[in-house]
Amino acid sequence: MTGIATEPANAPPPTAAPTAQPPRRRRPWLVLFGGLLVVTVVAGILLLRGQQEYIYQGTFSPTGSMTVVRNWPSITLLPDGRLLVAGGLDATLEAVASAELYDPRTGTFSPTGSMATARATRATLLADGRVLVAGGRDAGGRSIATAELYDPRTGTFSPTGSMTVARDWPCVALLTDGRVLVAGGYADSDASERLIASAELYDPRTGTFSPTGSMATERETPATLLADGRVLVAGGARGIATAELYDPRTGTFSPTGSMTVARYWPSVTLLADGRVLVVGFVDTDANDNRRAGADLFH
């Protein structure tokens, strides 16, 4: 049923459309660094958005190290296959402004231009190949509203319009029309780290943000663009099970089926068949326990 999350334990795995020949690409790769997994491995199958499934042998091998220690940097796959790794928190949990590029052909990281503002936040690849980094937490631990654009052709960041609201770790998704949805996150101007439900849209043609419909529930969680152009936000900080869908045609959020359990900081992956896999969560009890459960949204 549409909009229902179900446990996938006994469900058959998703299948990719048959192809006559394997794709003519370099051998796909997997990178683990800075405390983040760039892509999600499920039962030996590596799923990359917009690409076919690849079967792996289930082994890891070391690759080059970053030039700077980073916790929760933004990570973006660029059109030329390199990875932009920007900002994050250093070993003392202070935000940093530096950035670097990972080249899978050489297995090495190299410095690139730094951001104007130190921040830890999510980043979004735009349709024109630039990368938007918006909001986040600065070196003083405050939520910020400023945004910057990284141009891989020049290797530099440049300022763009600021958000209407300061947001730390908002939900971010590139829409099919090229705009970017930025929703929720933390707004801690009063040092309370309170979650917010408001949302806004970034238009790369004008370099400006404008308000759009708010979510029904305050949350901080990954946002996933669905095949029909809507955006799914499920779960989120404080541990909730509810989910909502954003429709860019109407500029509004509407409720959809809830997950089977509340999930805080889940890993979310769009599968090749259009379903969405939501994996893992953190209990909100006193022990802050990690769990291994999963849900499928379809």
C-alpha atoms as a PDB file:
ATOM      1  CA  MET A   1       0.000   0.000   0.000  1.00  0.00           C
ATOM      2  CA  THR A   2       1.228   3.462  -0.800  1.00  0.00           C
ATOM      3  CA  GLY A   3       2.615   5.394   2.169  1.00  0.00           C
ATOM      4  CA  ILE A   4       2.971   2.369   4.470  1.00  0.00           C
ATOM      5  CA  ALA A   5       6.244   1.424   6.168  1.00  0.00           C
ATOM      6  CA  THR A   6       6.772  -2.305   6.683  1.00  0.00           C
ATOM      7  CA  GLU A   7       9.505  -4.446   8.179  1.00  0.00           C
ATOM      8  CA  PRO A   8      11.459  -6.028   5.289  1.00  0.00           C
ATOM      9  CA  ALA A   9      12.777  -9.066   7.189  1.00  0.00           C
ATOM     10  CA  ASN A  10      10.765 -11.624   5.172  1.00  0.00           C
ATOM     11  CA  ALA A  11      10.299  -9.603   2.036  1.00  0.00           C
ATOM     12  CA  PRO A  12      12.177 -10.484  -1.180  1.00  0.00           C
ATOM     13  CA  PRO A  13      15.021  -8.099  -2.024  1.00  0.00           C
ATOM     14  CA  PRO A  14      14.356  -5.428  -4.663  1.00  0.00           C
ATOM     15  CA  THR A  15      15.369  -6.386  -8.167  1.00  0.00           C
ATOM     16  CA  ALA A  16      16.910  -4.187 -10.831  1.00  0.00           C
ATOM     17  CA  ALA A  17      15.638  -4.087 -14.404  1.00  0.00           C
ATOM     18  CA  PRO A  18      17.515  -6.628 -16.602  1.00  0.00           C
ATOM     19  CA  THR A  19      20.230  -5.273 -18.866  1.00  0.00           C
ATOM     20  CA  ALA A  20      21.790  -6.798 -21.917  1.00  0.00           C
ATOM     21  CA  GLN A  21      25.326  -5.688 -21.017  1.00  0.00           C
ATOM     22  CA  PRO A  22      26.993  -4.428 -17.856  1.00  0.00           C
ATOM     23  CA  PRO A  23      27.390  -0.658 -17.678  1.00  0.00           C
ATOM     24  CA  ARG A  24      30.625   0.756 -19.065  1.00  0.00           C
ATOM     25  CA  ARG A  25      31.871   2.325 -15.879  1.00  0.00           C
ATOM     26  CA  ARG A  26      34.970   2.063 -13.785  1.00  0.00           C
ATOM     27  CA  ARG A  27      34.705  -0.409 -10.965  1.00  0.00           C
ATOM     28  CA  PRO A  28      32.415   1.198  -8.355  1.00  0.00           C
ATOM     29  CA  TRP A  29      33.913   2.074  -5.029  1.00  0.00           C
ATOM     30  CA  LEU A  30      32.965   2.539  -1.435  1.00  0.00           C
ATOM     31  CA  VAL A  31      34.475   5.060   0.942  1.00  0.00           C
ATOM     32  CA  LEU A  32      34.277   5.196   4.726  1.00  0.00           C
ATOM     33  CA  PHE A  33      35.668   8.272   6.440  1.00  0.00           C
ATOM     34  CA  GLY A  34      34.900  10.991   8.960  1.00  0.00           C
ATOM     35  CA  GLY A  35      32.414   8.756  10.751  1.00  0.00           C
ATOM     36  CA  LEU A  36      30.106   8.568   7.694  1.00  0.00           C
ATOM     37  CA  LEU A  37      29.247   5.924   5.145  1.00  0.00           C
ATOM     38  CA  VAL A  38      29.005   7.495   1.701  1.00  0.00           C
ATOM     39  CA  VAL A  39      26.683   4.802   0.367  1.00  0.00           C
ATOM     40  CA  THR A  40      24.670   2.049   2.041  1.00  0.00           C
ATOM     41  CA  VAL A  41      25.601  -1.631   1.821  1.00  0.00           C
ATOM     42  CA  VAL A  42      22.732  -4.058   2.280  1.00  0.00           C
ATOM     43  CA  ALA A  43      23.267  -7.829   2.069  1.00  0.00           C
ATOM     44  CA  GLY A  44      26.309  -7.462  -0.180  1.00  0.00           C
ATOM     45  CA  ILE A  45      24.554  -5.172  -2.684  1.00  0.00           C
ATOM     46  CA  LEU A  46      25.769  -1.618  -3.135  1.00  0.00           C
ATOM     47  CA  LEU A  47      22.953   0.721  -4.110  1.00  0.00           C
ATOM     48  CA  LEU A  48      23.869   4.048  -5.717  1.00  0.00           C
ATOM     49  CA  ARG A  49      21.112   6.540  -6.509  1.00  0.00           C
ATOM     50  CA  GLY A  50      20.584   6.803 -10.243  1.00  0.00           C
ATOM     51  CA  GLN A  51      22.789   3.795 -10.993  1.00  0.00           C
ATOM     52  CA  GLN A  52      22.316   0.068 -11.319  1.00  0.00           C
ATOM     53  CA  GLU A  53      23.014  -2.454  -8.575  1.00  0.00           C
ATOM     54  CA  TYR A  54      26.480  -3.935  -8.222  1.00  0.00           C
ATOM     55  CA  ILE A  55      27.341  -7.170  -6.420  1.00  0.00           C
ATOM     56  CA  TYR A  56      30.311  -6.940  -4.069  1.00  0.00           C
ATOM     57  CA  GLN A  57      32.472  -9.555  -2.425  1.00  0.00           C
ATOM     58  CA  GLY A  58      31.884  -8.098   1.019  1.00  0.00           C
ATOM     59  CA  THR A  59      35.447  -6.976   1.688  1.00  0.00           C
ATOM     60  CA  PHE A  60      37.016  -3.608   2.564  1.00  0.00           C
ATOM     61  CA  SER A  61      40.486  -2.310   1.717  1.00  0.00           C
ATOM     62  CA  PRO A  62      42.227   0.823   3.037  1.00  0.00           C
ATOM     63  CA  THR A  63      42.384   4.014   1.030  1.00  0.00           C
ATOM     64  CA  GLY A  64      44.065   7.383   1.540  1.00  0.00           C
ATOM     65  CA  SER A  65      43.328   9.443   4.662  1.00  0.00           C
ATOM     66  CA  MET A  66      41.821  12.901   4.785  1.00  0.00           C
ATOM     67  CA  THR A  67      44.110  15.868   5.297  1.00  0.00           C
ATOM     68  CA  VAL A  68      42.104  16.989   8.356  1.00  0.00           C
ATOM     69  CA  VAL A  69      40.257  15.100  11.110  1.00  0.00           C
ATOM     70  CA  ARG A  70      36.516  15.582  10.542  1.00  0.00           C
ATOM     71  CA  ASN A  71      33.399  14.423  12.340  1.00  0.00           C
ATOM     72  CA  TRP A  72      30.118  14.786  10.408  1.00  0.00           C
ATOM     73  CA  PRO A  73      31.443  16.624   7.350  1.00  0.00           C
ATOM     74  CA  SER A  74      29.194  17.251   4.364  1.00  0.00           C
ATOM     75  CA  ILE A  75      29.942  14.736   1.589  1.00  0.00           C
ATOM     76  CA  THR A  76      28.908  15.272  -2.030  1.00  0.00           C
ATOM     77  CA  LEU A  77      29.523  13.152  -5.121  1.00  0.00           C
ATOM     78  CA  LEU A  78      30.563  15.531  -7.915  1.00  0.00           C
ATOM     79  CA  PRO A  79      29.694  14.996 -11.609  1.00  0.00           C
ATOM     80  CA  ASP A  80      33.312  14.011 -12.407  1.00  0.00           C
ATOM     81  CA  GLY A  81      33.285  11.206  -9.814  1.00  0.00           C
ATOM     82  CA  ARG A  82      35.275  12.957  -7.110  1.00  0.00           C
ATOM     83  CA  LEU A  83      33.901  13.561  -3.610  1.00  0.00           C
ATOM     84  CA  LEU A  84      33.727  16.971  -1.970  1.00  0.00           C
ATOM     85  CA  VAL A  85      34.243  16.701   1.802  1.00  0.00           C
ATOM     86  CA  ALA A  86      33.609  20.026   3.518  1.00  0.00           C
ATOM     87  CA  GLY A  87      33.498  21.368   7.045  1.00  0.00           C
ATOM     88  CA  GLY A  88      32.441  19.197   9.944  1.00  0.00           C
ATOM     89  CA  LEU A  89      33.709  19.092  13.508  1.00  0.00           C
ATOM     90  CA  ASP A  90      37.378  18.624  14.405  1.00  0.00           C
ATOM     91  CA  ALA A  91      38.814  16.474  17.179  1.00  0.00           C
ATOM     92  CA  THR A  92      37.708  19.059  19.767  1.00  0.00           C
ATOM     93  CA  LEU A  93      34.194  19.175  18.244  1.00  0.00           C
ATOM     94  CA  GLU A  94      34.736  22.693  16.887  1.00  0.00           C
ATOM     95  CA  ALA A  95      33.381  23.453  13.403  1.00  0.00           C
ATOM     96  CA  VAL A  96      35.960  23.848  10.614  1.00  0.00           C
ATOM     97  CA  ALA A  97      35.808  25.708   7.282  1.00  0.00           C
ATOM     98  CA  SER A  98      38.326  23.695   5.268  1.00  0.00           C
ATOM     99  CA  ALA A  99      37.374  21.303   2.470  1.00  0.00           C
ATOM    100  CA  GLU A 100      39.045  18.590   0.423  1.00  0.00           C
ATOM    101  CA  LEU A 101      38.475  16.354  -2.588  1.00  0.00           C
ATOM    102  CA  TYR A 102      38.702  12.551  -2.754  1.00  0.00           C
ATOM    103  CA  ASP A 103      39.776  11.143  -6.128  1.00  0.00           C
ATOM    104  CA  PRO A 104      38.768   7.457  -6.518  1.00  0.00           C
ATOM    105  CA  ARG A 105      41.255   7.041  -9.391  1.00  0.00           C
ATOM    106  CA  THR A 106      44.207   7.697  -7.109  1.00  0.00           C
ATOM    107  CA  GLY A 107      42.617   6.893  -3.742  1.00  0.00           C
ATOM    108  CA  THR A 108      43.867  10.176  -2.300  1.00  0.00           C
ATOM    109  CA  PHE A 109      42.494  13.327  -0.699  1.00  0.00           C
ATOM    110  CA  SER A 110      43.737  16.798  -1.630  1.00  0.00           C
ATOM    111  CA  PRO A 111      42.837  20.234  -0.216  1.00  0.00           C
ATOM    112  CA  THR A 112      40.469  22.540  -2.098  1.00  0.00           C
ATOM    113  CA  GLY A 113      39.120  26.007  -1.338  1.00  0.00           C
ATOM    114  CA  SER A 114      37.732  26.626   2.146  1.00  0.00           C
ATOM    115  CA  MET A 115      34.297  27.927   3.066  1.00  0.00           C
ATOM    116  CA  ALA A 116      33.966  31.496   4.316  1.00  0.00           C
ATOM    117  CA  THR A 117      32.250  30.204   7.466  1.00  0.00           C
ATOM    118  CA  ALA A 118      33.177  27.169   9.539  1.00  0.00           C
ATOM    119  CA  ARG A 119      30.156  24.891   9.663  1.00  0.00           C
ATOM    120  CA  ALA A 120      28.880  21.330  10.022  1.00  0.00           C
ATOM    121  CA  THR A 121      25.828  20.743   7.836  1.00  0.00           C
ATOM    122  CA  ARG A 122      24.431  18.831   4.867  1.00  0.00           C
ATOM    123  CA  ALA A 123      25.335  19.689   1.263  1.00  0.00           C
ATOM    124  CA  THR A 124      23.391  19.330  -1.989  1.00  0.00           C
ATOM    125  CA  LEU A 125      24.622  18.881  -5.556  1.00  0.00           C
ATOM    126  CA  LEU A 126      22.771  21.308  -7.833  1.00  0.00           C
ATOM    127  CA  ALA A 127      21.731  20.603 -11.421  1.00  0.00           C
ATOM    128  CA  ASP A 128      24.525  22.822 -12.765  1.00  0.00           C
ATOM    129  CA  GLY A 129      27.256  20.879 -10.912  1.00  0.00           C
ATOM    130  CA  ARG A 130      27.777  23.361  -8.086  1.00  0.00           C
ATOM    131  CA  VAL A 131      27.278  22.353  -4.453  1.00  0.00           C
ATOM    132  CA  LEU A 132      25.055  24.207  -1.959  1.00  0.00           C
ATOM    133  CA  VAL A 133      25.966  24.216   1.740  1.00  0.00           C
ATOM    134  CA  ALA A 134      23.379  25.997   3.856  1.00  0.00           C
ATOM    135  CA  GLY A 135      23.103  26.688   7.539  1.00  0.00           C
ATOM    136  CA  GLY A 136      24.716  24.376  10.045  1.00  0.00           C
ATOM    137  CA  ARG A 137      26.548  24.993  13.294  1.00  0.00           C
ATOM    138  CA  ASP A 138      29.416  27.459  13.357  1.00  0.00           C
ATOM    139  CA  ALA A 139      32.642  27.466  15.373  1.00  0.00           C
ATOM    140  CA  GLY A 140      30.811  29.097  18.276  1.00  0.00           C
ATOM    141  CA  GLY A 141      28.199  26.338  18.400  1.00  0.00           C
ATOM    142  CA  ARG A 142      25.427  28.575  17.060  1.00  0.00           C
ATOM    143  CA  SER A 143      22.942  27.733  14.299  1.00  0.00           C
ATOM    144  CA  ILE A 144      23.525  29.928  11.245  1.00  0.00           C
ATOM    145  CA  ALA A 145      21.469  31.066   8.245  1.00  0.00           C
ATOM    146  CA  THR A 146      24.247  31.813   5.739  1.00  0.00           C
ATOM    147  CA  ALA A 147      24.838  29.673   2.656  1.00  0.00           C
ATOM    148  CA  GLU A 148      27.679  29.134   0.181  1.00  0.00           C
ATOM    149  CA  LEU A 149      28.193  27.576  -3.250  1.00  0.00           C
ATOM    150  CA  TYR A 150      31.173  25.403  -4.220  1.00  0.00           C
ATOM    151  CA  ASP A 151      32.206  25.438  -7.885  1.00  0.00           C
ATOM    152  CA  PRO A 152      34.299  22.364  -8.801  1.00  0.00           C
ATOM    153  CA  ARG A 153      35.562  24.162 -11.936  1.00  0.00           C
ATOM    154  CA  THR A 154      37.351  26.787  -9.833  1.00  0.00           C
ATOM    155  CA  GLY A 155      37.709  24.848  -6.583  1.00  0.00           C
ATOM    156  CA  THR A 156      36.292  27.761  -4.587  1.00  0.00           C
ATOM    157  CA  PHE A 157      33.301  28.630  -2.408  1.00  0.00           C
ATOM    158  CA  SER A 158      31.334  31.849  -2.921  1.00  0.00           C
ATOM    159  CA  PRO A 159      28.495  33.382  -0.872  1.00  0.00           C
ATOM    160  CA  THR A 160      24.862  33.104  -1.917  1.00  0.00           C
ATOM    161  CA  GLY A 161      21.605  34.272  -0.332  1.00  0.00           C
ATOM    162  CA  SER A 162      20.969  33.422   3.315  1.00  0.00           C
ATOM    163  CA  MET A 163      18.093  31.306   4.596  1.00  0.00           C
ATOM    164  CA  THR A 164      15.101  33.005   6.173  1.00  0.00           C
ATOM    165  CA  VAL A 165      15.767  31.072   9.414  1.00  0.00           C
ATOM    166  CA  ALA A 166      18.990  29.847  11.024  1.00  0.00           C
ATOM    167  CA  ARG A 167      19.059  26.024  10.811  1.00  0.00           C
ATOM    168  CA  ASP A 168      21.450  23.394  12.147  1.00  0.00           C
ATOM    169  CA  TRP A 169      21.281  20.043  10.308  1.00  0.00           C
ATOM    170  CA  PRO A 170      18.097  20.702   8.317  1.00  0.00           C
ATOM    171  CA  CYS A 171      16.383  18.201   6.004  1.00  0.00           C
ATOM    172  CA  VAL A 172      17.676  18.970   2.478  1.00  0.00           C
ATOM    173  CA  ALA A 173      16.582  17.620  -0.933  1.00  0.00           C
ATOM    174  CA  LEU A 174      17.152  18.672  -4.545  1.00  0.00           C
ATOM    175  CA  LEU A 175      13.797  18.916  -6.339  1.00  0.00           C
ATOM    176  CA  THR A 176      13.204  17.889  -9.931  1.00  0.00           C
ATOM    177  CA  ASP A 177      12.857  21.521 -11.042  1.00  0.00           C
ATOM    178  CA  GLY A 178      16.333  22.374  -9.721  1.00  0.00           C
ATOM    179  CA  ARG A 179      15.237  24.110  -6.514  1.00  0.00           C
ATOM    180  CA  VAL A 180      16.342  22.857  -3.104  1.00  0.00           C
ATOM    181  CA  LEU A 181      13.989  22.084  -0.208  1.00  0.00           C
ATOM    182  CA  VAL A 182      15.431  22.971   3.209  1.00  0.00           C
ATOM    183  CA  ALA A 183      13.199  22.018   6.133  1.00  0.00           C
ATOM    184  CA  GLY A 184      13.310  21.662   9.883  1.00  0.00           C
ATOM    185  CA  GLY A 185      16.570  21.301  11.799  1.00  0.00           C
ATOM    186  CA  TYR A 186      17.669  22.941  15.024  1.00  0.00           C
ATOM    187  CA  ALA A 187      17.281  26.633  15.747  1.00  0.00           C
ATOM    188  CA  ASP A 188      19.248  27.278  18.917  1.00  0.00           C
ATOM    189  CA  SER A 189      19.433  31.059  19.006  1.00  0.00           C
ATOM    190  CA  ASP A 190      18.187  30.719  22.563  1.00  0.00           C
ATOM    191  CA  ALA A 191      20.750  27.976  23.321  1.00  0.00           C
ATOM    192  CA  SER A 192      17.982  25.399  23.796  1.00  0.00           C
ATOM    193  CA  GLU A 193      18.644  23.385  20.605  1.00  0.00           C
ATOM    194  CA  ARG A 194      14.946  23.437  19.844  1.00  0.00           C
ATOM    195  CA  LEU A 195      13.681  21.704  16.708  1.00  0.00           C
ATOM    196  CA  ILE A 196      11.666  23.672  14.162  1.00  0.00           C
ATOM    197  CA  ALA A 197       9.069  22.695  11.537  1.00  0.00           C
ATOM    198  CA  SER A 198       9.338  25.574   9.055  1.00  0.00           C
ATOM    199  CA  ALA A 199      10.689  25.059   5.532  1.00  0.00           C
ATOM    200  CA  GLU A 200      12.014  27.111   2.634  1.00  0.00           C
ATOM    201  CA  LEU A 201      13.126  26.759  -0.979  1.00  0.00           C
ATOM    202  CA  TYR A 202      16.448  27.786  -2.544  1.00  0.00           C
ATOM    203  CA  ASP A 203      16.342  28.877  -6.182  1.00  0.00           C
ATOM    204  CA  PRO A 204      19.813  28.654  -7.783  1.00  0.00           C
ATOM    205  CA  ARG A 205      18.676  30.912 -10.652  1.00  0.00           C
ATOM    206  CA  THR A 206      18.190  33.848  -8.273  1.00  0.00           C
ATOM    207  CA  GLY A 207      20.433  32.714  -5.405  1.00  0.00           C
ATOM    208  CA  THR A 208      17.657  33.331  -2.895  1.00  0.00           C
ATOM    209  CA  PHE A 209      15.624  31.439  -0.297  1.00  0.00           C
ATOM    210  CA  SER A 210      11.856  31.854   0.133  1.00  0.00           C
ATOM    211  CA  PRO A 211       9.416  30.327   2.653  1.00  0.00           C
ATOM    212  CA  THR A 212       7.241  27.328   1.768  1.00  0.00           C
ATOM    213  CA  GLY A 213       4.766  25.201   3.713  1.00  0.00           C
ATOM    214  CA  SER A 214       5.849  23.938   7.145  1.00  0.00           C
ATOM    215  CA  MET A 215       5.966  20.346   8.360  1.00  0.00           C
ATOM    216  CA  ALA A 216       3.348  19.185  10.838  1.00  0.00           C
ATOM    217  CA  THR A 217       6.084  17.968  13.206  1.00  0.00           C
ATOM    218  CA  GLU A 218       9.422  19.512  14.130  1.00  0.00           C
ATOM    219  CA  ARG A 219      12.191  17.184  13.022  1.00  0.00           C
ATOM    220  CA  GLU A 220      15.786  16.747  11.851  1.00  0.00           C
ATOM    221  CA  THR A 221      16.289  13.782   9.506  1.00  0.00           C
ATOM    222  CA  PRO A 222      17.446  12.958   5.969  1.00  0.00           C
ATOM    223  CA  ALA A 223      15.061  13.999   3.174  1.00  0.00           C
ATOM    224  CA  THR A 224      14.561  11.695   0.171  1.00  0.00           C
ATOM    225  CA  LEU A 225      13.373  12.694  -3.302  1.00  0.00           C
ATOM    226  CA  LEU A 226      10.875  10.107  -4.570  1.00  0.00           C
ATOM    227  CA  ALA A 227      10.363   9.032  -8.181  1.00  0.00           C
ATOM    228  CA  ASP A 228       7.165  11.098  -8.443  1.00  0.00           C
ATOM    229  CA  GLY A 229       8.927  14.314  -7.414  1.00  0.00           C
ATOM    230  CA  ARG A 230       7.667  14.438  -3.830  1.00  0.00           C
ATOM    231  CA  VAL A 231      10.030  14.416  -0.847  1.00  0.00           C
ATOM    232  CA  LEU A 232       9.847  11.983   2.083  1.00  0.00           C
ATOM    233  CA  VAL A 233      10.910  12.990   5.609  1.00  0.00           C
ATOM    234  CA  ALA A 234      10.611  10.201   8.182  1.00  0.00           C
ATOM    235  CA  GLY A 235      11.473  10.016  11.851  1.00  0.00           C
ATOM    236  CA  GLY A 236      14.041  12.420  13.210  1.00  0.00           C
ATOM    237  CA  ALA A 237      15.659  13.821  16.295  1.00  0.00           C
ATOM    238  CA  ARG A 238      13.903  13.171  19.610  1.00  0.00           C
ATOM    239  CA  GLY A 239      12.894   9.777  18.200  1.00  0.00           C
ATOM    240  CA  ILE A 240       9.581   9.846  16.317  1.00  0.00           C
ATOM    241  CA  ALA A 241       7.916   7.354  13.963  1.00  0.00           C
ATOM    242  CA  THR A 242       5.771   9.718  11.902  1.00  0.00           C
ATOM    243  CA  ALA A 243       6.543  10.651   8.297  1.00  0.00           C
ATOM    244  CA  GLU A 244       5.462  13.399   5.904  1.00  0.00           C
ATOM    245  CA  LEU A 245       5.540  14.068   2.168  1.00  0.00           C
ATOM    246  CA  TYR A 246       6.357  17.431   0.591  1.00  0.00           C
ATOM    247  CA  ASP A 247       4.689  18.175  -2.745  1.00  0.00           C
ATOM    248  CA  PRO A 248       6.518  20.926  -4.678  1.00  0.00           C
ATOM    249  CA  ARG A 249       3.451  21.461  -6.866  1.00  0.00           C
ATOM    250  CA  THR A 250       1.417  22.690  -3.912  1.00  0.00           C
ATOM    251  CA  GLY A 251       4.255  23.767  -1.611  1.00  0.00           C
ATOM    252  CA  THR A 252       2.801  21.788   1.286  1.00  0.00           C
ATOM    253  CA  PHE A 253       3.580  18.821   3.536  1.00  0.00           C
ATOM    254  CA  SER A 254       1.000  16.106   4.196  1.00  0.00           C
ATOM    255  CA  PRO A 255       1.086  13.102   6.557  1.00  0.00           C
ATOM    256  CA  THR A 256       1.813   9.602   5.274  1.00  0.00           C
ATOM    257  CA  GLY A 257       2.189   6.182   6.904  1.00  0.00           C
ATOM    258  CA  SER A 258       4.313   5.987  10.048  1.00  0.00           C
ATOM    259  CA  MET A 259       7.319   3.728  10.531  1.00  0.00           C
ATOM    260  CA  THR A 260       6.992   0.599  12.637  1.00  0.00           C
ATOM    261  CA  VAL A 261       9.227   2.142  15.329  1.00  0.00           C
ATOM    262  CA  ALA A 262      10.474   5.610  16.216  1.00  0.00           C
ATOM    263  CA  ARG A 263      13.839   6.348  14.609  1.00  0.00           C
ATOM    264  CA  TYR A 264      16.420   8.953  15.533  1.00  0.00           C
ATOM    265  CA  TRP A 265      19.310   9.520  13.035  1.00  0.00           C
ATOM    266  CA  PRO A 266      18.322   6.685  10.648  1.00  0.00           C
ATOM    267  CA  SER A 267      20.184   5.891   7.429  1.00  0.00           C
ATOM    268  CA  VAL A 268      17.828   6.411   4.458  1.00  0.00           C
ATOM    269  CA  THR A 269      18.387   5.043   0.932  1.00  0.00           C
ATOM    270  CA  LEU A 270      16.230   5.260  -2.198  1.00  0.00           C
ATOM    271  CA  LEU A 271      16.198   1.807  -3.824  1.00  0.00           C
ATOM    272  CA  ALA A 272      16.319   1.129  -7.552  1.00  0.00           C
ATOM    273  CA  ASP A 273      12.642   0.079  -7.589  1.00  0.00           C
ATOM    274  CA  GLY A 274      11.492   3.359  -5.995  1.00  0.00           C
ATOM    275  CA  ARG A 275      10.995   2.106  -2.449  1.00  0.00           C
ATOM    276  CA  VAL A 276      12.865   3.728   0.440  1.00  0.00           C
ATOM    277  CA  LEU A 277      14.915   1.740   2.957  1.00  0.00           C
ATOM    278  CA  VAL A 278      15.176   3.267   6.445  1.00  0.00           C
ATOM    279  CA  VAL A 279      17.799   1.497   8.561  1.00  0.00           C
ATOM    280  CA  GLY A 280      18.798   1.684  12.206  1.00  0.00           C
ATOM    281  CA  PHE A 281      17.870   4.132  14.888  1.00  0.00           C
ATOM    282  CA  VAL A 282      18.807   5.395  18.311  1.00  0.00           C
ATOM    283  CA  ASP A 283      16.601   4.781  21.308  1.00  0.00           C
ATOM    284  CA  THR A 284      15.557   7.880  23.198  1.00  0.00           C
ATOM    285  CA  ASP A 285      15.775   6.083  26.520  1.00  0.00           C
ATOM    286  CA  ALA A 286      18.377   6.865  29.154  1.00  0.00           C
ATOM    287  CA  ASN A 287      20.833   4.356  27.670  1.00  0.00           C
ATOM    288  CA  ASP A 288      20.754   5.894  24.166  1.00  0.00           C
ATOM    289  CA  ASN A 289      20.921   2.396  22.692  1.00  0.00           C
ATOM    290  CA  ARG A 290      21.528   1.764  19.000  1.00  0.00           C
ATOM    291  CA  ARG A 291      19.205  -0.643  17.174  1.00  0.00           C
ATOM    292  CA  ALA A 292      19.464  -2.590  13.943  1.00  0.00           C
ATOM    293  CA  GLY A 293      15.845  -2.617  12.739  1.00  0.00           C
ATOM    294  CA  ALA A 294      14.710  -1.444   9.288  1.00  0.00           C
ATOM    295  CA  ASP A 295      11.583  -0.271   7.483  1.00  0.00           C
ATOM    296  CA  LEU A 296      10.554  -0.059   3.821  1.00  0.00           C
ATOM    297  CA  PHE A 297       8.436   2.835   2.572  1.00  0.00           C
ATOM    298  CA  HIS A 298       6.376   2.167  -0.540  1.00  0.00           C
END
